[in-house]
Amino acid sequence: MRDFRKYDIWKLSHSLTLDVYQITSSFPQEERFGIVSQLRRSSSSVPTNISEGSGRQSEKEFGQFLNIALGSISETEYLLLLSKDLLYISSENFEQLSQKAKTIKSKIFKLKEKLN
């Protein structure tokens, strides 16, 4: 059985999720059920799917959960861009969070390749 806490991508994605929760706490109140909710769900979906997939028996099943995590990190990237364009986050914060997301995406791809 795999321990999801040992995966760098889980650690990075958990860290990104914590960052997203912190930064979205300052978003406008009217976005609470919009971008805030969607950004929090998409970012937290990444470590959640890595965790769930690591508990599966086969490499193929784990790979399926990594595919879902890839979709979620792509969604997170877009929502961060939207947040920047709406001036909810600074360009500096966007760059930092976006770089984390790109690193996570790259590491997920590499792990998927190892599973095949």
N, C-alpha and C. Protein backbone atom coordinates (compact mmCIF):
# COMPACT_ATOMS: atom_id res chain seq x y z
N MET A 1 0.83 -1.19 0.00
CA MET A 1 0.00 0.00 0.00
C MET A 1 0.88 1.25 0.00
N ARG A 2 0.49 2.22 -0.80
CA ARG A 2 1.24 3.47 -0.90
C ARG A 2 0.81 4.45 0.19
N ASP A 3 1.73 5.26 0.67
CA ASP A 3 1.41 6.33 1.62
C ASP A 3 1.44 7.64 0.84
N PHE A 4 0.27 8.23 0.63
CA PHE A 4 0.16 9.45 -0.18
C PHE A 4 1.00 10.59 0.36
N ARG A 5 1.25 10.61 1.66
CA ARG A 5 2.02 11.70 2.28
C ARG A 5 3.48 11.72 1.83
N LYS A 6 3.96 10.61 1.24
CA LYS A 6 5.34 10.53 0.80
C LYS A 6 5.55 11.09 -0.61
N TYR A 7 4.47 11.35 -1.31
CA TYR A 7 4.58 11.86 -2.68
C TYR A 7 4.79 13.37 -2.68
N ASP A 8 5.82 13.82 -3.39
CA ASP A 8 6.06 15.26 -3.51
C ASP A 8 4.85 15.98 -4.09
N ILE A 9 4.19 15.36 -5.07
CA ILE A 9 3.03 16.03 -5.67
C ILE A 9 1.90 16.19 -4.66
N TRP A 10 1.77 15.25 -3.76
CA TRP A 10 0.74 15.43 -2.72
C TRP A 10 1.12 16.59 -1.82
N LYS A 11 2.37 16.64 -1.39
CA LYS A 11 2.83 17.72 -0.51
C LYS A 11 2.65 19.08 -1.17
N LEU A 12 3.05 19.19 -2.43
CA LEU A 12 2.92 20.45 -3.16
C LEU A 12 1.46 20.84 -3.36
N SER A 13 0.64 19.86 -3.71
CA SER A 13 -0.76 20.17 -3.96
C SER A 13 -1.50 20.52 -2.67
N HIS A 14 -1.12 19.90 -1.58
CA HIS A 14 -1.68 20.26 -0.28
C HIS A 14 -1.28 21.69 0.08
N SER A 15 -0.02 22.02 -0.16
CA SER A 15 0.47 23.37 0.10
C SER A 15 -0.26 24.40 -0.76
N LEU A 16 -0.47 24.07 -2.04
CA LEU A 16 -1.21 24.98 -2.93
C LEU A 16 -2.63 25.17 -2.42
N THR A 17 -3.26 24.10 -1.98
CA THR A 17 -4.62 24.21 -1.46
C THR A 17 -4.67 25.13 -0.24
N LEU A 18 -3.70 25.00 0.66
CA LEU A 18 -3.64 25.90 1.82
C LEU A 18 -3.47 27.34 1.37
N ASP A 19 -2.60 27.56 0.37
CA ASP A 19 -2.41 28.92 -0.18
C ASP A 19 -3.70 29.47 -0.77
N VAL A 20 -4.41 28.62 -1.51
CA VAL A 20 -5.67 29.05 -2.14
C VAL A 20 -6.69 29.43 -1.07
N TYR A 21 -6.80 28.62 -0.03
CA TYR A 21 -7.75 28.95 1.05
C TYR A 21 -7.39 30.29 1.68
N GLN A 22 -6.11 30.51 1.89
CA GLN A 22 -5.69 31.76 2.52
C GLN A 22 -5.98 32.96 1.62
N ILE A 23 -5.61 32.85 0.36
CA ILE A 23 -5.75 34.00 -0.53
C ILE A 23 -7.20 34.30 -0.87
N THR A 24 -8.03 33.26 -0.95
CA THR A 24 -9.44 33.50 -1.29
C THR A 24 -10.24 34.06 -0.12
N SER A 25 -9.68 34.02 1.06
CA SER A 25 -10.39 34.59 2.21
C SER A 25 -10.55 36.11 2.08
N SER A 26 -9.75 36.72 1.20
CA SER A 26 -9.86 38.17 1.00
C SER A 26 -10.63 38.54 -0.27
N PHE A 27 -11.19 37.55 -0.96
CA PHE A 27 -11.99 37.83 -2.16
C PHE A 27 -13.28 38.53 -1.75
N PRO A 28 -13.91 39.24 -2.70
CA PRO A 28 -15.19 39.89 -2.38
C PRO A 28 -16.24 38.89 -1.89
N GLN A 29 -17.06 39.33 -0.98
CA GLN A 29 -18.09 38.47 -0.39
C GLN A 29 -19.02 37.88 -1.45
N GLU A 30 -19.30 38.64 -2.50
CA GLU A 30 -20.22 38.14 -3.54
C GLU A 30 -19.63 36.96 -4.32
N GLU A 31 -18.33 36.71 -4.18
CA GLU A 31 -17.69 35.57 -4.85
C GLU A 31 -17.63 34.32 -3.97
N ARG A 32 -18.18 34.40 -2.77
CA ARG A 32 -18.11 33.28 -1.83
C ARG A 32 -18.64 31.98 -2.43
N PHE A 33 -19.74 32.07 -3.16
CA PHE A 33 -20.33 30.87 -3.76
C PHE A 33 -19.97 30.73 -5.23
N GLY A 34 -19.11 31.60 -5.72
CA GLY A 34 -18.67 31.55 -7.10
C GLY A 34 -17.22 31.10 -7.19
N ILE A 35 -16.36 32.03 -7.53
CA ILE A 35 -14.95 31.70 -7.74
C ILE A 35 -14.30 31.12 -6.48
N VAL A 36 -14.62 31.65 -5.33
CA VAL A 36 -14.00 31.14 -4.10
C VAL A 36 -14.29 29.66 -3.93
N SER A 37 -15.56 29.31 -4.03
CA SER A 37 -15.95 27.91 -3.86
C SER A 37 -15.33 27.03 -4.93
N GLN A 38 -15.39 27.47 -6.18
CA GLN A 38 -14.87 26.66 -7.27
C GLN A 38 -13.36 26.50 -7.19
N LEU A 39 -12.64 27.57 -6.86
CA LEU A 39 -11.19 27.51 -6.75
C LEU A 39 -10.75 26.62 -5.59
N ARG A 40 -11.45 26.72 -4.49
CA ARG A 40 -11.12 25.86 -3.35
C ARG A 40 -11.39 24.40 -3.67
N ARG A 41 -12.50 24.13 -4.34
CA ARG A 41 -12.83 22.73 -4.68
C ARG A 41 -11.84 22.16 -5.69
N SER A 42 -11.49 22.94 -6.71
CA SER A 42 -10.57 22.41 -7.73
C SER A 42 -9.18 22.19 -7.16
N SER A 43 -8.71 23.11 -6.33
CA SER A 43 -7.37 22.93 -5.76
C SER A 43 -7.33 21.77 -4.78
N SER A 44 -8.36 21.63 -3.96
CA SER A 44 -8.37 20.54 -2.98
C SER A 44 -8.62 19.18 -3.64
N SER A 45 -9.18 19.19 -4.83
CA SER A 45 -9.42 17.95 -5.56
C SER A 45 -8.11 17.26 -5.94
N VAL A 46 -7.05 18.04 -6.14
CA VAL A 46 -5.77 17.47 -6.56
C VAL A 46 -5.19 16.55 -5.47
N PRO A 47 -4.92 17.05 -4.26
CA PRO A 47 -4.39 16.15 -3.24
C PRO A 47 -5.39 15.07 -2.83
N THR A 48 -6.67 15.38 -2.94
CA THR A 48 -7.69 14.39 -2.60
C THR A 48 -7.62 13.20 -3.55
N ASN A 49 -7.50 13.47 -4.84
CA ASN A 49 -7.44 12.38 -5.82
C ASN A 49 -6.12 11.61 -5.75
N ILE A 50 -5.04 12.31 -5.44
CA ILE A 50 -3.77 11.62 -5.25
C ILE A 50 -3.88 10.68 -4.04
N SER A 51 -4.49 11.17 -2.98
CA SER A 51 -4.68 10.36 -1.77
C SER A 51 -5.54 9.13 -2.06
N GLU A 52 -6.67 9.37 -2.71
CA GLU A 52 -7.57 8.25 -2.99
C GLU A 52 -6.93 7.25 -3.94
N GLY A 53 -6.28 7.75 -4.98
CA GLY A 53 -5.65 6.86 -5.95
C GLY A 53 -4.54 6.03 -5.35
N SER A 54 -3.80 6.62 -4.42
CA SER A 54 -2.69 5.88 -3.81
C SER A 54 -3.18 4.72 -2.97
N GLY A 55 -4.44 4.76 -2.57
CA GLY A 55 -5.00 3.67 -1.79
C GLY A 55 -5.58 2.56 -2.63
N ARG A 56 -5.55 2.73 -3.93
CA ARG A 56 -6.08 1.70 -4.82
C ARG A 56 -5.06 0.60 -5.05
N GLN A 57 -5.56 -0.54 -5.48
CA GLN A 57 -4.72 -1.73 -5.61
C GLN A 57 -3.81 -1.71 -6.83
N SER A 58 -4.31 -1.21 -7.95
CA SER A 58 -3.54 -1.34 -9.19
C SER A 58 -2.96 -0.01 -9.64
N GLU A 59 -1.93 -0.12 -10.45
CA GLU A 59 -1.31 1.07 -11.05
C GLU A 59 -2.31 1.76 -11.98
N LYS A 60 -3.10 0.96 -12.68
CA LYS A 60 -4.09 1.51 -13.61
C LYS A 60 -5.10 2.38 -12.87
N GLU A 61 -5.59 1.88 -11.73
CA GLU A 61 -6.55 2.66 -10.94
C GLU A 61 -5.90 3.95 -10.42
N PHE A 62 -4.68 3.83 -9.95
CA PHE A 62 -3.97 5.01 -9.47
C PHE A 62 -3.84 6.03 -10.61
N GLY A 63 -3.50 5.55 -11.79
CA GLY A 63 -3.38 6.41 -12.96
C GLY A 63 -4.67 7.14 -13.29
N GLN A 64 -5.81 6.48 -13.11
CA GLN A 64 -7.10 7.13 -13.36
C GLN A 64 -7.32 8.31 -12.41
N PHE A 65 -6.94 8.13 -11.16
CA PHE A 65 -7.08 9.22 -10.19
C PHE A 65 -6.09 10.35 -10.49
N LEU A 66 -4.93 10.01 -11.01
CA LEU A 66 -3.97 11.04 -11.42
C LEU A 66 -4.53 11.83 -12.60
N ASN A 67 -5.25 11.17 -13.50
CA ASN A 67 -5.90 11.88 -14.61
C ASN A 67 -6.91 12.90 -14.09
N ILE A 68 -7.67 12.52 -13.08
CA ILE A 68 -8.64 13.45 -12.50
C ILE A 68 -7.90 14.62 -11.85
N ALA A 69 -6.80 14.32 -11.17
CA ALA A 69 -5.99 15.37 -10.54
C ALA A 69 -5.45 16.34 -11.60
N LEU A 70 -5.07 15.82 -12.78
CA LEU A 70 -4.60 16.69 -13.86
C LEU A 70 -5.69 17.64 -14.30
N GLY A 71 -6.89 17.14 -14.43
CA GLY A 71 -8.01 18.01 -14.80
C GLY A 71 -8.25 19.09 -13.76
N SER A 72 -8.16 18.70 -12.51
CA SER A 72 -8.39 19.65 -11.42
C SER A 72 -7.31 20.72 -11.34
N ILE A 73 -6.05 20.34 -11.59
CA ILE A 73 -4.98 21.35 -11.52
C ILE A 73 -5.09 22.31 -12.71
N SER A 74 -5.56 21.81 -13.85
CA SER A 74 -5.79 22.70 -15.00
C SER A 74 -6.92 23.68 -14.71
N GLU A 75 -7.97 23.19 -14.07
CA GLU A 75 -9.07 24.06 -13.67
C GLU A 75 -8.57 25.12 -12.68
N THR A 76 -7.75 24.71 -11.75
CA THR A 76 -7.19 25.63 -10.77
C THR A 76 -6.36 26.72 -11.46
N GLU A 77 -5.55 26.31 -12.44
CA GLU A 77 -4.74 27.29 -13.17
C GLU A 77 -5.62 28.35 -13.82
N TYR A 78 -6.70 27.91 -14.46
CA TYR A 78 -7.58 28.89 -15.10
C TYR A 78 -8.23 29.82 -14.08
N LEU A 79 -8.72 29.26 -12.99
CA LEU A 79 -9.39 30.08 -11.98
C LEU A 79 -8.44 31.08 -11.33
N LEU A 80 -7.17 30.72 -11.22
CA LEU A 80 -6.17 31.67 -10.72
C LEU A 80 -5.99 32.81 -11.72
N LEU A 81 -5.94 32.47 -13.00
CA LEU A 81 -5.82 33.50 -14.05
C LEU A 81 -7.03 34.42 -14.02
N LEU A 82 -8.21 33.85 -13.93
CA LEU A 82 -9.43 34.65 -13.85
C LEU A 82 -9.39 35.57 -12.63
N SER A 83 -8.96 35.03 -11.51
CA SER A 83 -8.87 35.84 -10.28
C SER A 83 -7.91 37.01 -10.44
N LYS A 84 -6.80 36.76 -11.14
CA LYS A 84 -5.84 37.84 -11.39
C LYS A 84 -6.47 38.89 -12.30
N ASP A 85 -7.12 38.43 -13.37
CA ASP A 85 -7.72 39.36 -14.33
C ASP A 85 -8.86 40.17 -13.73
N LEU A 86 -9.52 39.62 -12.73
CA LEU A 86 -10.58 40.35 -12.02
C LEU A 86 -10.00 41.20 -10.88
N LEU A 87 -8.68 41.18 -10.75
CA LEU A 87 -7.95 41.95 -9.75
C LEU A 87 -8.23 41.50 -8.31
N TYR A 88 -8.57 40.21 -8.15
CA TYR A 88 -8.78 39.65 -6.82
C TYR A 88 -7.46 39.22 -6.20
N ILE A 89 -6.47 38.91 -7.06
CA ILE A 89 -5.13 38.60 -6.57
C ILE A 89 -4.12 39.41 -7.37
N SER A 90 -3.00 39.69 -6.76
CA SER A 90 -1.96 40.46 -7.42
C SER A 90 -1.24 39.60 -8.46
N SER A 91 -0.57 40.27 -9.38
CA SER A 91 0.21 39.54 -10.38
C SER A 91 1.30 38.71 -9.72
N GLU A 92 1.88 39.23 -8.66
CA GLU A 92 2.92 38.51 -7.93
C GLU A 92 2.37 37.22 -7.31
N ASN A 93 1.23 37.33 -6.63
CA ASN A 93 0.61 36.13 -6.05
C ASN A 93 0.21 35.15 -7.14
N PHE A 94 -0.31 35.67 -8.24
CA PHE A 94 -0.68 34.80 -9.36
C PHE A 94 0.52 34.03 -9.85
N GLU A 95 1.64 34.70 -10.05
CA GLU A 95 2.85 34.04 -10.56
C GLU A 95 3.32 32.94 -9.62
N GLN A 96 3.30 33.21 -8.33
CA GLN A 96 3.73 32.21 -7.35
C GLN A 96 2.81 30.98 -7.36
N LEU A 97 1.52 31.23 -7.33
CA LEU A 97 0.56 30.13 -7.31
C LEU A 97 0.55 29.38 -8.64
N SER A 98 0.65 30.12 -9.71
CA SER A 98 0.67 29.50 -11.04
C SER A 98 1.90 28.62 -11.23
N GLN A 99 3.03 29.06 -10.72
CA GLN A 99 4.24 28.26 -10.82
C GLN A 99 4.11 26.96 -10.03
N LYS A 100 3.50 27.05 -8.86
CA LYS A 100 3.26 25.83 -8.07
C LYS A 100 2.36 24.88 -8.86
N ALA A 101 1.32 25.42 -9.47
CA ALA A 101 0.39 24.58 -10.24
C ALA A 101 1.10 23.92 -11.42
N LYS A 102 1.95 24.65 -12.11
CA LYS A 102 2.69 24.08 -13.24
C LYS A 102 3.64 22.97 -12.77
N THR A 103 4.27 23.17 -11.64
CA THR A 103 5.17 22.15 -11.09
C THR A 103 4.38 20.90 -10.74
N ILE A 104 3.22 21.07 -10.12
CA ILE A 104 2.37 19.94 -9.77
C ILE A 104 1.96 19.18 -11.02
N LYS A 105 1.55 19.91 -12.04
CA LYS A 105 1.12 19.27 -13.29
C LYS A 105 2.26 18.45 -13.88
N SER A 106 3.44 19.01 -13.91
CA SER A 106 4.61 18.31 -14.45
C SER A 106 4.91 17.04 -13.66
N LYS A 107 4.85 17.13 -12.34
CA LYS A 107 5.14 15.97 -11.49
C LYS A 107 4.07 14.89 -11.64
N ILE A 108 2.83 15.27 -11.86
CA ILE A 108 1.78 14.28 -12.08
C ILE A 108 2.05 13.54 -13.39
N PHE A 109 2.40 14.29 -14.44
CA PHE A 109 2.72 13.65 -15.72
C PHE A 109 3.87 12.66 -15.56
N LYS A 110 4.90 13.05 -14.85
CA LYS A 110 6.06 12.16 -14.65
C LYS A 110 5.68 10.91 -13.86
N LEU A 111 4.85 11.06 -12.85
CA LEU A 111 4.43 9.90 -12.08
C LEU A 111 3.58 8.98 -12.94
N LYS A 112 2.70 9.54 -13.76
CA LYS A 112 1.88 8.73 -14.66
C LYS A 112 2.76 7.91 -15.61
N GLU A 113 3.82 8.52 -16.10
CA GLU A 113 4.74 7.81 -17.00
C GLU A 113 5.40 6.63 -16.29
N LYS A 114 5.74 6.80 -15.03
CA LYS A 114 6.36 5.72 -14.26
C LYS A 114 5.40 4.56 -14.04
N LEU A 115 4.11 4.86 -13.96
CA LEU A 115 3.11 3.83 -13.73
C LEU A 115 2.88 2.97 -14.97
N ASN A 116 3.15 3.52 -16.13
CA ASN A 116 2.88 2.80 -17.39
C ASN A 116 3.93 1.81 -17.72
